[in-house]
Amino acid sequence: MNTQEAKTRLDTLIRARCPIIGIETAETRRFLEAMIDIIEEDSKRVKRTTSPRKKLFTFSVSRGLWQMATYTGEFTIEQNDHTREVPAVIYDEKRILEPGPDPAWFAYELTQTILENDAPRAGEQEPSSIYVLKDAHPFFEEPLFVRGLRDLAEVLIKRHQTIILVSPDLSSLPSVLRKDVKIITWPLPGADELQDQLDSFVANLDGSRVDLNGKSKELVEALRGLTMTEADQVLAETVINHGTLDERAIEFTITAKSEIIRQSSALEFFPPSVDRNEVGGLDNLIHWLSQAGNTNSAKARAFGIKPARGVLVVGVPGCGKSLLAKAVSKLWGVPLLRLDVGALFGSLVGESEAQTRNALRVAGAIGKCVLWIDEIEKGLSSQGGEMDGGTSKRVLGTILTWMEEHGQGVFVFATANDIAQLRPELIRRFTETFFVDLPSPSERLAILNIHLTKAGQDPEHFANSAGAVIDLTDTFTGAEIEEVVQGGLWSAFESDSPLEIGDLEVAARETVPLVTTMKEQIDAMRKWATRARPASLYQGTGRQTVNSSGSRAAALEM
């Protein structure tokens, strides 16, 4: 849902005489500006000679209840020898209710004031009013306030009046109010809004301090996922740090956004960084991902192709699933968001679901990105829900619904080590499922060369003798081959000599591979893998098994 769709939904609820509406957002000011737009559009739509213009009231525990006066539209002002457009202005006009020393009693008094303030009088037109209650969530535990809202719901439905509860988190809304309150999760700013914000920011700067070199769209994309206030602060910071707003603002914004997102949600932001060449093998999966990246284009949609929603990558731990998630980000040229499922769960009732919605809302606001859910079975397994009052089931339901309904742009890349723990309805949401097995000889050589290069070694130096290491690592994962390289480096460093193939061979012999300690689990995983597409080219001819000595053999599928 974008901002315009949210405004349309809110306008519909108000016109339908919904008595109480909940708006989940931290951007109170931005919401009030949207509310002014809705009132203005309503004034144009309805002949006000027969019906009075809607009145807007705002309430906060610190300032009381105020009737707001508004100027709508845009005004041209002179500034720094040029003119610019400024948006609608909102200011307090008249105080209706003074704040009181007891917040709980004050909140109840508010409900009674609303009842009396807009009561229809004989011979007068029925008033049309909207009351915006800022940060209402602390009062949800107060019986007087809750009862007062229920009383209002019964009365306001007969009037042209609406109460709007605005809060960053409405998860604590009492169950007795849920049937009376329609909730809208207000979206973060879209590209158009952020472009307007950037234009306004630039207009306030001296022209000599702006040199974006045609990169304004890239800067707007970097700002996506932030609130208007956060975007404004990041722009201000980059000007303070660099003295100008230039192309460096894009990199600075991405870095700042990473920290903001990490602090405010269960998401971690990664700019594209891992190159495809850093992943050894997995050619089938990488080829499919290259195709999937093209399904989100206008050309593909015109051809009748539905955008790929996501991929589930199952397989042996340490075989490059997580590394590939980072590589996809760079392959497509989009940011990567890692969703920490464990961080979604909170101790308060409804907190987990609210944090889930917030994380998914941020992902959707960023636009085109890869949403990485690592080891998804640990947070969303089929066995959760019985011991936590159903919280994990509700979180899973929120994610499932979002995966089914979310718009184009967000691609879900999920990894799992134990597919048996996942619910069928979750697996079904992914466009495709791939299985990653232990690397083939050619893949092991590629992985060995990658880690030798990362360690500052020349793979060509080992080209004629690497076969011995490849044979010794027959049942090794990619992560274990990296450990072999590190073990060889340790040995060479200890003896104060260059790294030689013998150091790698010794390290390989001393390493106990995962398949030795988890033979039964890996065999079971491979048995299930017949239902998934192979991630590597060699997997297409058969399924590998581990015999009693720990070596692999190819077994043709029956």
Protein backbone atom coordinates (compact mmCIF):
# COMPACT_ATOMS: atom_id res chain seq x y z
CA MET A 1 0.00 0.00 0.00
CA ASN A 2 1.44 3.38 -0.97
CA THR A 3 0.55 6.73 0.59
CA GLN A 4 -2.14 7.58 -1.95
CA GLU A 5 -3.81 4.20 -1.44
CA ALA A 6 -3.67 4.70 2.33
CA LYS A 7 -5.28 8.14 1.99
CA THR A 8 -8.02 6.70 -0.21
CA ARG A 9 -8.67 3.93 2.32
CA LEU A 10 -8.83 6.43 5.19
CA ASP A 11 -11.15 8.76 3.26
CA THR A 12 -13.45 5.82 2.52
CA LEU A 13 -13.64 4.83 6.19
CA ILE A 14 -14.37 8.40 7.27
CA ARG A 15 -17.11 8.82 4.67
CA ALA A 16 -18.54 5.43 5.71
CA ARG A 17 -18.90 6.85 9.26
CA CYS A 18 -16.45 4.44 10.82
CA PRO A 19 -16.39 5.80 14.40
CA ILE A 20 -12.82 4.87 15.37
CA ILE A 21 -9.81 4.38 13.08
CA GLY A 22 -6.31 3.33 14.14
CA ILE A 23 -3.29 4.66 12.24
CA GLU A 24 -0.03 2.86 12.92
CA THR A 25 2.79 5.32 12.20
CA ALA A 26 5.58 7.21 13.92
CA GLU A 27 5.16 10.16 11.52
CA THR A 28 2.38 12.14 13.20
CA ARG A 29 3.15 15.37 11.36
CA ARG A 30 3.17 13.68 7.96
CA PHE A 31 -0.12 11.97 8.75
CA LEU A 32 -1.72 15.29 9.74
CA GLU A 33 -0.63 16.77 6.40
CA ALA A 34 -2.32 13.82 4.67
CA MET A 35 -5.41 14.45 6.80
CA ILE A 36 -5.50 18.07 5.60
CA ASP A 37 -5.39 16.82 1.99
CA ILE A 38 -8.34 14.53 2.67
CA ILE A 39 -10.38 17.38 4.21
CA GLU A 40 -9.54 19.64 1.27
CA GLU A 41 -10.60 17.01 -1.27
CA ASP A 42 -13.80 16.46 0.70
CA SER A 43 -14.52 20.21 0.55
CA LYS A 44 -14.17 20.19 -3.22
CA ARG A 45 -16.38 17.14 -3.55
CA VAL A 46 -19.25 18.28 -1.32
CA LYS A 47 -21.19 21.51 -1.70
CA ARG A 48 -20.54 23.26 1.56
CA THR A 49 -23.62 25.43 1.27
CA THR A 50 -25.62 22.54 2.66
CA SER A 51 -22.99 20.84 4.84
CA PRO A 52 -20.34 22.54 6.99
CA ARG A 53 -16.65 21.95 6.30
CA LYS A 54 -15.03 19.21 8.38
CA LYS A 55 -13.33 20.40 11.53
CA LEU A 56 -10.02 18.89 12.70
CA PHE A 57 -9.05 18.45 16.36
CA THR A 58 -5.82 17.05 17.80
CA PHE A 59 -5.16 15.69 21.26
CA SER A 60 -1.98 14.94 23.19
CA VAL A 61 -1.51 14.29 26.87
CA SER A 62 0.98 17.17 27.11
CA ARG A 63 -1.03 19.89 25.32
CA GLY A 64 -4.66 18.90 25.66
CA LEU A 65 -7.35 19.06 22.98
CA TRP A 66 -7.06 21.72 20.27
CA GLN A 67 -9.16 22.71 17.30
CA MET A 68 -6.82 23.13 14.32
CA ALA A 69 -6.88 25.88 11.73
CA THR A 70 -5.46 24.99 8.32
CA TYR A 71 -4.34 26.70 5.19
CA THR A 72 -4.57 24.31 2.28
CA GLY A 73 -2.90 24.36 -1.10
CA GLU A 74 0.54 25.75 -1.94
CA PHE A 75 1.88 29.29 -1.69
CA THR A 76 4.70 30.97 -3.59
CA ILE A 77 7.23 32.80 -1.42
CA GLU A 78 10.38 34.77 -2.21
CA GLN A 79 13.62 33.33 -0.81
CA ASN A 80 17.28 33.89 -1.75
CA ASP A 81 16.34 35.74 -4.96
CA HIS A 82 14.10 32.93 -6.21
CA THR A 83 10.59 31.70 -5.61
CA ARG A 84 9.51 28.32 -4.29
CA GLU A 85 6.29 26.51 -3.42
CA VAL A 86 5.49 25.66 0.21
CA PRO A 87 2.85 23.08 1.29
CA ALA A 88 -0.17 23.45 3.53
CA VAL A 89 0.28 24.98 6.97
CA ILE A 90 -1.24 23.52 10.15
CA TYR A 91 -1.48 25.44 13.42
CA ASP A 92 -3.44 25.41 16.67
CA GLU A 93 -6.43 27.72 16.70
CA LYS A 94 -8.38 27.13 19.91
CA ARG A 95 -7.84 24.98 22.98
CA ILE A 96 -10.87 22.91 23.92
CA LEU A 97 -9.51 20.94 26.87
CA GLU A 98 -6.60 21.76 29.19
CA PRO A 99 -4.17 18.94 30.08
CA GLY A 100 -4.69 17.51 33.56
CA PRO A 101 -2.37 16.17 36.28
CA ASP A 102 -3.84 12.64 36.08
CA PRO A 103 -3.34 11.30 32.54
CA ALA A 104 -5.80 8.45 33.02
CA TRP A 105 -8.63 10.71 34.21
CA PHE A 106 -7.61 13.28 31.58
CA ALA A 107 -8.03 10.67 28.82
CA TYR A 108 -11.51 9.83 30.11
CA GLU A 109 -12.39 13.52 30.24
CA LEU A 110 -11.35 13.71 26.61
CA THR A 111 -13.95 11.13 25.59
CA GLN A 112 -16.64 13.02 27.48
CA THR A 113 -15.58 16.33 25.92
CA ILE A 114 -15.87 14.84 22.43
CA LEU A 115 -19.37 13.61 23.26
CA GLU A 116 -20.47 17.07 24.39
CA ASN A 117 -18.43 19.23 21.98
CA ASP A 118 -20.05 18.04 18.79
CA ALA A 119 -23.50 17.13 20.03
CA PRO A 120 -26.05 18.16 17.37
CA ARG A 121 -28.15 21.16 18.33
CA ALA A 122 -31.73 21.85 17.32
CA GLY A 123 -32.02 23.77 14.07
CA GLU A 124 -28.30 23.38 13.20
CA GLN A 125 -26.52 21.26 10.63
CA GLU A 126 -25.00 18.10 12.07
CA PRO A 127 -21.29 18.91 12.66
CA SER A 128 -18.60 16.98 10.84
CA SER A 129 -15.44 16.54 12.90
CA ILE A 130 -12.29 14.45 13.04
CA TYR A 131 -10.39 13.95 16.30
CA VAL A 132 -6.76 12.82 16.02
CA LEU A 133 -5.47 11.33 19.30
CA LYS A 134 -1.67 11.30 19.32
CA ASP A 135 0.15 8.42 21.07
CA ALA A 136 -3.01 6.82 22.39
CA HIS A 137 -1.42 3.43 23.16
CA PRO A 138 -0.43 4.16 26.82
CA PHE A 139 -4.13 4.66 27.64
CA PHE A 140 -5.20 1.24 26.38
CA GLU A 141 -4.61 -0.15 29.87
CA GLU A 142 -6.93 2.42 31.46
CA PRO A 143 -10.50 1.01 31.90
CA LEU A 144 -12.08 4.48 31.96
CA PHE A 145 -10.53 5.44 28.62
CA VAL A 146 -11.42 2.13 26.99
CA ARG A 147 -15.00 2.37 28.22
CA GLY A 148 -15.17 5.97 27.05
CA LEU A 149 -14.06 4.96 23.55
CA ARG A 150 -16.69 2.22 23.45
CA ASP A 151 -19.34 4.75 24.46
CA LEU A 152 -18.13 7.05 21.68
CA ALA A 153 -18.24 4.24 19.13
CA GLU A 154 -21.92 3.74 19.86
CA VAL A 155 -22.69 7.44 19.47
CA LEU A 156 -20.33 8.62 16.70
CA ILE A 157 -21.53 6.01 14.24
CA LYS A 158 -24.77 8.04 14.10
CA ARG A 159 -22.87 11.29 13.54
CA HIS A 160 -20.43 12.61 10.92
CA GLN A 161 -17.59 12.29 13.44
CA THR A 162 -14.49 10.11 13.62
CA ILE A 163 -11.79 9.44 16.19
CA ILE A 164 -8.35 8.54 14.81
CA LEU A 165 -5.89 6.83 17.16
CA VAL A 166 -2.36 7.58 15.92
CA SER A 167 0.46 5.54 17.41
CA PRO A 168 3.72 3.86 16.33
CA ASP A 169 2.35 0.60 17.76
CA LEU A 170 -1.30 -0.39 18.06
CA SER A 171 -0.59 -4.03 18.96
CA SER A 172 -1.74 -3.42 22.55
CA LEU A 173 -5.23 -2.36 21.43
CA PRO A 174 -7.62 -4.15 23.83
CA SER A 175 -9.60 -7.02 22.39
CA VAL A 176 -12.86 -5.33 23.41
CA LEU A 177 -12.04 -2.48 21.00
CA ARG A 178 -10.84 -4.49 18.03
CA LYS A 179 -14.29 -4.84 16.47
CA ASP A 180 -14.84 -1.09 16.80
CA VAL A 181 -11.47 0.02 15.36
CA LYS A 182 -10.34 -0.24 11.75
CA ILE A 183 -6.52 -0.21 11.58
CA ILE A 184 -4.38 1.16 8.73
CA THR A 185 -0.62 0.74 8.75
CA TRP A 186 0.53 4.04 7.28
CA PRO A 187 3.23 3.49 4.64
CA LEU A 188 6.65 5.07 4.66
CA PRO A 189 7.30 7.81 2.08
CA GLY A 190 7.43 6.66 -1.53
CA ALA A 191 9.80 7.82 -4.25
CA ASP A 192 7.58 10.76 -5.28
CA GLU A 193 7.32 12.09 -1.73
CA LEU A 194 11.06 11.72 -1.15
CA GLN A 195 11.77 13.51 -4.45
CA ASP A 196 9.59 16.40 -3.24
CA GLN A 197 11.48 16.36 0.06
CA LEU A 198 14.82 16.45 -1.77
CA ASP A 199 13.65 19.29 -4.03
CA SER A 200 12.52 21.28 -1.00
CA PHE A 201 15.84 20.61 0.77
CA VAL A 202 17.83 21.68 -2.29
CA ALA A 203 15.72 24.84 -2.65
CA ASN A 204 16.82 25.90 0.84
CA LEU A 205 20.50 25.53 -0.01
CA ASP A 206 22.76 27.96 -1.74
CA GLY A 207 22.98 26.78 -5.36
CA SER A 208 26.78 26.53 -5.15
CA ARG A 209 26.44 23.83 -2.47
CA VAL A 210 24.49 21.43 -4.72
CA ASP A 211 26.23 19.25 -7.31
CA LEU A 212 24.35 15.96 -7.72
CA ASN A 213 25.50 15.60 -11.34
CA GLY A 214 22.17 14.11 -12.45
CA LYS A 215 22.13 11.57 -9.59
CA SER A 216 19.02 12.82 -7.79
CA LYS A 217 17.03 9.67 -8.64
CA GLU A 218 19.80 7.48 -7.23
CA LEU A 219 19.81 9.57 -4.05
CA VAL A 220 16.02 9.22 -3.74
CA GLU A 221 16.34 5.44 -4.10
CA ALA A 222 18.96 5.48 -1.34
CA LEU A 223 16.54 7.40 0.91
CA ARG A 224 13.71 4.87 0.50
CA GLY A 225 12.88 3.05 3.71
CA LEU A 226 13.36 6.15 5.88
CA THR A 227 10.76 8.45 7.39
CA MET A 228 10.59 12.04 6.16
CA THR A 229 12.33 13.24 9.32
CA GLU A 230 15.09 10.65 8.98
CA ALA A 231 15.58 11.52 5.32
CA ASP A 232 15.85 15.22 6.13
CA GLN A 233 18.37 14.53 8.91
CA VAL A 234 20.52 12.34 6.65
CA LEU A 235 20.58 15.02 3.95
CA ALA A 236 21.53 17.64 6.52
CA GLU A 237 24.31 15.43 7.88
CA THR A 238 25.87 14.86 4.48
CA VAL A 239 25.92 18.62 3.77
CA ILE A 240 27.51 19.28 7.18
CA ASN A 241 30.12 16.55 6.67
CA HIS A 242 31.01 17.33 3.04
CA GLY A 243 30.09 21.00 2.79
CA THR A 244 27.95 20.26 -0.26
CA LEU A 245 25.23 17.94 -1.51
CA ASP A 246 26.95 15.91 -4.22
CA GLU A 247 27.29 12.29 -5.37
CA ARG A 248 28.94 11.35 -2.07
CA ALA A 249 25.52 11.81 -0.47
CA ILE A 250 24.38 8.50 -2.02
CA GLU A 251 27.05 6.41 -0.27
CA PHE A 252 26.64 8.38 2.95
CA THR A 253 22.86 7.87 2.85
CA ILE A 254 23.22 4.11 2.35
CA THR A 255 25.59 3.89 5.34
CA ALA A 256 23.36 6.04 7.54
CA LYS A 257 20.24 4.14 6.47
CA SER A 258 21.89 0.86 7.43
CA GLU A 259 22.36 2.10 11.00
CA ILE A 260 18.86 3.64 11.24
CA ILE A 261 17.15 0.47 10.00
CA ARG A 262 19.22 -1.74 12.31
CA GLN A 263 18.22 0.32 15.36
CA SER A 264 14.53 0.62 14.50
CA SER A 265 13.54 -2.87 13.36
CA ALA A 266 14.52 -6.53 13.08
CA LEU A 267 16.22 -5.76 9.78
CA GLU A 268 19.88 -5.42 8.90
CA PHE A 269 20.78 -3.49 5.76
CA PHE A 270 23.60 -4.57 3.42
CA PRO A 271 24.60 -2.63 0.29
CA PRO A 272 25.53 -4.87 -2.68
CA SER A 273 29.02 -6.22 -1.91
CA VAL A 274 29.63 -9.93 -2.69
CA ASP A 275 30.51 -10.67 -6.31
CA ARG A 276 29.16 -13.74 -8.09
CA ASN A 277 32.77 -14.92 -8.62
CA GLU A 278 33.13 -15.29 -4.86
CA VAL A 279 30.62 -18.16 -4.95
CA GLY A 280 32.03 -21.51 -6.04
CA GLY A 281 29.63 -23.55 -8.19
CA LEU A 282 25.82 -23.51 -7.76
CA ASP A 283 25.49 -22.77 -11.48
CA ASN A 284 21.89 -23.99 -11.82
CA LEU A 285 20.69 -21.77 -9.00
CA ILE A 286 22.66 -18.73 -10.16
CA HIS A 287 21.29 -19.13 -13.69
CA TRP A 288 17.73 -19.31 -12.33
CA LEU A 289 18.35 -16.21 -10.19
CA SER A 290 19.61 -14.34 -13.25
CA GLN A 291 16.32 -15.17 -14.98
CA ALA A 292 14.25 -14.32 -11.89
CA GLY A 293 15.84 -10.88 -11.73
CA ASN A 294 14.35 -10.06 -15.13
CA THR A 295 10.78 -10.98 -14.18
CA ASN A 296 10.26 -7.69 -12.34
CA SER A 297 10.64 -5.57 -15.47
CA ALA A 298 7.81 -3.81 -17.31
CA LYS A 299 8.70 -5.80 -20.43
CA ALA A 300 8.26 -9.10 -18.56
CA ARG A 301 4.91 -8.00 -17.11
CA ALA A 302 3.71 -6.97 -20.56
CA PHE A 303 4.64 -10.46 -21.75
CA GLY A 304 2.39 -11.94 -19.06
CA ILE A 305 5.13 -13.02 -16.63
CA LYS A 306 4.43 -12.73 -12.91
CA PRO A 307 7.40 -11.39 -10.88
CA ALA A 308 9.28 -14.06 -8.91
CA ARG A 309 8.29 -13.78 -5.24
CA GLY A 310 11.22 -15.64 -3.75
CA VAL A 311 13.37 -18.75 -3.53
CA LEU A 312 13.86 -21.27 -0.75
CA VAL A 313 17.39 -22.69 -0.68
CA VAL A 314 17.73 -25.85 1.39
CA GLY A 315 20.89 -27.83 1.95
CA VAL A 316 23.91 -28.94 3.91
CA PRO A 317 25.18 -26.27 6.35
CA GLY A 318 28.30 -24.46 5.18
CA CYS A 319 27.73 -24.92 1.43
CA GLY A 320 27.31 -21.25 0.48
CA LYS A 321 23.59 -20.57 0.90
CA SER A 322 24.07 -17.38 2.91
CA LEU A 323 26.98 -16.19 0.75
CA LEU A 324 24.77 -16.57 -2.33
CA ALA A 325 22.09 -14.35 -0.75
CA LYS A 326 24.66 -11.55 -0.61
CA ALA A 327 25.79 -12.28 -4.16
CA VAL A 328 22.22 -12.01 -5.51
CA SER A 329 22.06 -8.46 -4.15
CA LYS A 330 25.04 -7.44 -6.28
CA LEU A 331 23.94 -9.56 -9.25
CA TRP A 332 20.71 -7.56 -9.41
CA GLY A 333 22.17 -4.26 -8.19
CA VAL A 334 19.70 -3.94 -5.30
CA PRO A 335 20.19 -3.68 -1.51
CA LEU A 336 20.00 -6.71 0.78
CA LEU A 337 17.91 -6.76 3.97
CA ARG A 338 18.45 -9.56 6.46
CA LEU A 339 15.37 -10.30 8.56
CA ASP A 340 16.30 -11.54 12.03
CA VAL A 341 13.26 -13.69 12.83
CA GLY A 342 14.38 -14.16 16.43
CA ALA A 343 14.36 -10.38 16.98
CA LEU A 344 10.70 -10.21 15.95
CA PHE A 345 9.50 -11.94 19.09
CA GLY A 346 8.77 -9.71 22.09
CA SER A 347 7.46 -10.32 25.58
CA LEU A 348 4.33 -8.15 25.33
CA VAL A 349 1.06 -9.32 23.82
CA GLY A 350 0.91 -8.30 20.17
CA GLU A 351 4.48 -6.95 20.17
CA SER A 352 5.83 -9.70 17.90
CA GLU A 353 3.16 -9.20 15.27
CA ALA A 354 3.70 -5.40 15.34
CA GLN A 355 7.46 -5.80 14.91
CA THR A 356 6.86 -8.19 12.02
CA ARG A 357 4.54 -5.73 10.29
CA ASN A 358 7.03 -2.91 10.82
CA ALA A 359 9.93 -4.91 9.35
CA LEU A 360 7.90 -5.89 6.30
CA ARG A 361 6.68 -2.32 5.90
CA VAL A 362 10.27 -1.05 5.82
CA ALA A 363 11.21 -3.71 3.25
CA GLY A 364 8.26 -2.71 1.08
CA ALA A 365 9.13 0.99 1.34
CA ILE A 366 12.70 0.42 0.16
CA GLY A 367 11.30 -0.97 -3.07
CA LYS A 368 13.46 -3.29 -5.14
CA CYS A 369 15.52 -5.32 -2.69
CA VAL A 370 16.36 -8.85 -1.56
CA LEU A 371 14.84 -9.83 1.80
CA TRP A 372 17.11 -12.51 3.24
CA ILE A 373 15.70 -14.83 5.93
CA ASP A 374 18.57 -17.04 7.10
CA GLU A 375 17.80 -20.46 8.64
CA ILE A 376 14.10 -19.75 8.41
CA GLU A 377 13.15 -23.00 10.14
CA LYS A 378 14.59 -21.77 13.46
CA GLY A 379 12.03 -18.99 13.75
CA LEU A 380 9.10 -20.23 11.69
CA SER A 381 9.05 -23.97 12.22
CA SER A 382 5.98 -26.20 12.09
CA GLN A 383 6.45 -27.05 15.77
CA GLY A 384 6.15 -23.49 17.06
CA GLY A 385 3.03 -21.96 18.51
CA GLU A 386 1.98 -24.47 21.15
CA MET A 387 4.33 -23.23 23.87
CA ASP A 388 4.16 -19.48 23.16
CA GLY A 389 0.42 -18.87 23.19
CA GLY A 390 0.25 -19.00 19.40
CA THR A 391 2.61 -16.04 18.85
CA SER A 392 4.84 -17.85 16.34
CA LYS A 393 1.77 -18.98 14.39
CA ARG A 394 0.49 -15.41 14.19
CA VAL A 395 3.92 -14.12 13.11
CA LEU A 396 4.04 -16.85 10.47
CA GLY A 397 0.53 -15.92 9.34
CA THR A 398 1.57 -12.27 8.98
CA ILE A 399 4.56 -13.25 6.84
CA LEU A 400 2.53 -15.68 4.73
CA THR A 401 -0.12 -13.07 4.01
CA TRP A 402 2.53 -10.49 3.13
CA MET A 403 4.32 -12.92 0.79
CA GLU A 404 1.02 -13.61 -0.96
CA GLU A 405 -0.07 -9.98 -1.28
CA HIS A 406 3.01 -7.75 -1.28
CA GLY A 407 3.70 -5.77 -4.41
CA GLN A 408 6.52 -6.05 -6.87
CA GLY A 409 10.09 -5.30 -5.89
CA VAL A 410 10.83 -7.35 -2.75
CA PHE A 411 12.34 -10.76 -3.47
CA VAL A 412 12.51 -13.19 -0.53
CA PHE A 413 15.67 -15.30 -0.34
CA ALA A 414 15.22 -17.85 2.46
CA THR A 415 17.69 -20.51 3.54
CA ALA A 416 17.03 -23.63 5.59
CA ASN A 417 19.06 -26.56 6.89
CA ASP A 418 16.10 -28.70 7.96
CA ILE A 419 13.19 -28.64 5.54
CA ALA A 420 11.17 -31.02 7.74
CA GLN A 421 10.67 -28.17 10.21
CA LEU A 422 8.86 -25.95 7.70
CA ARG A 423 5.12 -25.77 7.15
CA PRO A 424 3.86 -26.73 3.66
CA GLU A 425 1.99 -23.43 3.32
CA LEU A 426 5.28 -21.55 3.80
CA ILE A 427 7.16 -23.63 1.22
CA ARG A 428 4.32 -23.06 -1.26
CA ARG A 429 4.77 -19.28 -1.13
CA PHE A 430 8.19 -19.47 -2.80
CA THR A 431 8.47 -19.40 -6.58
CA GLU A 432 11.06 -22.20 -6.50
CA THR A 433 12.91 -24.47 -4.06
CA PHE A 434 16.54 -25.53 -4.60
CA PHE A 435 18.73 -28.06 -2.82
CA VAL A 436 22.44 -27.36 -2.22
CA ASP A 437 24.54 -30.51 -1.80
CA LEU A 438 28.24 -30.93 -1.00
CA PRO A 439 30.42 -29.40 -3.74
CA SER A 440 31.60 -31.45 -6.71
CA PRO A 441 35.33 -31.80 -7.54
CA SER A 442 35.24 -28.84 -9.93
CA GLU A 443 33.32 -26.77 -7.35
CA ARG A 444 35.80 -27.71 -4.61
CA LEU A 445 38.66 -26.52 -6.82
CA ALA A 446 36.84 -23.24 -7.46
CA ILE A 447 36.18 -22.78 -3.74
CA LEU A 448 39.82 -23.60 -2.89
CA ASN A 449 41.06 -21.00 -5.39
CA ILE A 450 38.63 -18.38 -4.05
CA HIS A 451 39.92 -18.75 -0.50
CA LEU A 452 43.57 -18.91 -1.59
CA THR A 453 43.05 -15.63 -3.44
CA LYS A 454 41.34 -14.03 -0.43
CA ALA A 455 44.34 -15.07 1.68
CA GLY A 456 46.72 -13.32 -0.69
CA GLN A 457 48.00 -16.54 -2.30
CA ASP A 458 48.38 -17.25 -6.03
CA PRO A 459 46.18 -20.23 -7.01
CA GLU A 460 48.46 -20.86 -10.02
CA HIS A 461 51.23 -21.81 -7.61
CA PHE A 462 49.13 -24.81 -6.51
CA ALA A 463 47.56 -25.65 -9.89
CA ASN A 464 49.63 -28.78 -10.61
CA SER A 465 49.28 -30.26 -7.10
CA ALA A 466 45.80 -29.18 -6.00
CA GLY A 467 44.31 -32.53 -7.05
CA ALA A 468 45.52 -34.17 -3.84
CA VAL A 469 43.68 -31.59 -1.74
CA ILE A 470 40.55 -31.96 -3.88
CA ASP A 471 40.57 -35.73 -3.24
CA LEU A 472 41.15 -35.30 0.51
CA THR A 473 38.19 -32.87 0.74
CA ASP A 474 35.77 -35.27 -0.98
CA THR A 475 33.12 -34.90 1.75
CA PHE A 476 33.89 -31.30 2.76
CA THR A 477 31.57 -28.33 2.68
CA GLY A 478 32.71 -24.99 1.27
CA ALA A 479 33.16 -23.66 4.80
CA GLU A 480 35.37 -26.63 5.69
CA ILE A 481 37.54 -26.02 2.61
CA GLU A 482 38.01 -22.46 3.88
CA GLU A 483 39.12 -23.95 7.22
CA VAL A 484 41.65 -26.11 5.35
CA VAL A 485 43.18 -22.99 3.79
CA GLN A 486 43.28 -21.25 7.17
CA GLY A 487 44.78 -24.34 8.82
CA GLY A 488 47.50 -24.49 6.16
CA LEU A 489 48.24 -20.79 6.67
CA TRP A 490 48.56 -21.35 10.42
CA SER A 491 51.08 -24.14 9.83
CA ALA A 492 53.10 -22.12 7.33
CA PHE A 493 53.08 -19.06 9.57
CA GLU A 494 54.23 -21.13 12.55
CA SER A 495 57.18 -22.51 10.58
CA ASP A 496 57.94 -19.07 9.08
CA SER A 497 57.75 -20.43 5.53
CA PRO A 498 55.59 -19.85 2.43
CA LEU A 499 52.34 -21.80 2.15
CA GLU A 500 52.84 -25.08 0.29
CA ILE A 501 50.49 -27.83 -0.86
CA GLY A 502 51.73 -30.06 1.98
CA ASP A 503 50.38 -27.60 4.55
CA LEU A 504 46.94 -27.82 2.95
CA GLU A 505 47.06 -31.62 2.80
CA VAL A 506 47.89 -31.88 6.50
CA ALA A 507 45.07 -29.47 7.39
CA ALA A 508 42.64 -31.50 5.26
CA ARG A 509 43.57 -34.77 6.96
CA GLU A 510 43.12 -33.22 10.41
CA THR A 511 39.65 -31.81 9.64
CA VAL A 512 36.64 -33.92 10.62
CA PRO A 513 33.90 -33.11 8.08
CA LEU A 514 30.30 -32.47 9.00
CA VAL A 515 29.06 -35.53 7.11
CA THR A 516 30.95 -37.75 9.51
CA THR A 517 29.09 -36.43 12.58
CA MET A 518 25.73 -35.82 10.87
CA LYS A 519 25.57 -38.69 8.38
CA GLU A 520 21.95 -39.68 9.15
CA GLN A 521 20.64 -36.11 8.99
CA ILE A 522 22.41 -35.34 5.71
CA ASP A 523 21.27 -38.61 4.11
CA ALA A 524 17.69 -37.75 5.10
CA MET A 525 18.12 -34.28 3.64
CA ARG A 526 19.36 -35.75 0.36
CA LYS A 527 16.43 -38.15 0.25
CA TRP A 528 14.07 -35.19 0.50
CA ALA A 529 16.10 -33.30 -2.14
CA THR A 530 14.51 -35.34 -4.93
CA ARG A 531 11.55 -32.96 -4.56
CA ALA A 532 13.67 -29.84 -5.19
CA ARG A 533 15.69 -28.51 -8.07
CA PRO A 534 19.46 -29.12 -7.84
CA ALA A 535 21.52 -25.99 -7.24
CA SER A 536 24.56 -27.43 -9.04
CA LEU A 537 24.92 -28.87 -12.51
CA TYR A 538 26.34 -32.21 -11.34
CA GLN A 539 23.34 -32.88 -9.10
CA GLY A 540 21.10 -33.41 -12.11
CA THR A 541 22.48 -36.93 -12.79
CA GLY A 542 21.82 -38.42 -9.41
CA ARG A 543 21.74 -38.03 -5.68
CA GLN A 544 24.84 -38.38 -3.53
CA THR A 545 24.91 -40.62 -0.47
CA VAL A 546 27.46 -41.07 2.28
CA ASN A 547 28.69 -44.60 2.85
CA SER A 548 29.97 -46.03 6.10
CA SER A 549 33.52 -44.84 5.44
CA GLY A 550 32.36 -41.28 4.87
CA SER A 551 33.04 -41.09 1.12
CA ARG A 552 30.42 -40.07 -1.44
CA ALA A 553 28.87 -42.14 -4.16
CA ALA A 554 26.41 -41.20 -6.86
CA ALA A 555 23.16 -43.11 -6.74
CA LEU A 556 20.78 -42.86 -9.63
CA GLU A 557 17.28 -41.80 -8.67
CA MET A 558 14.65 -44.50 -9.07
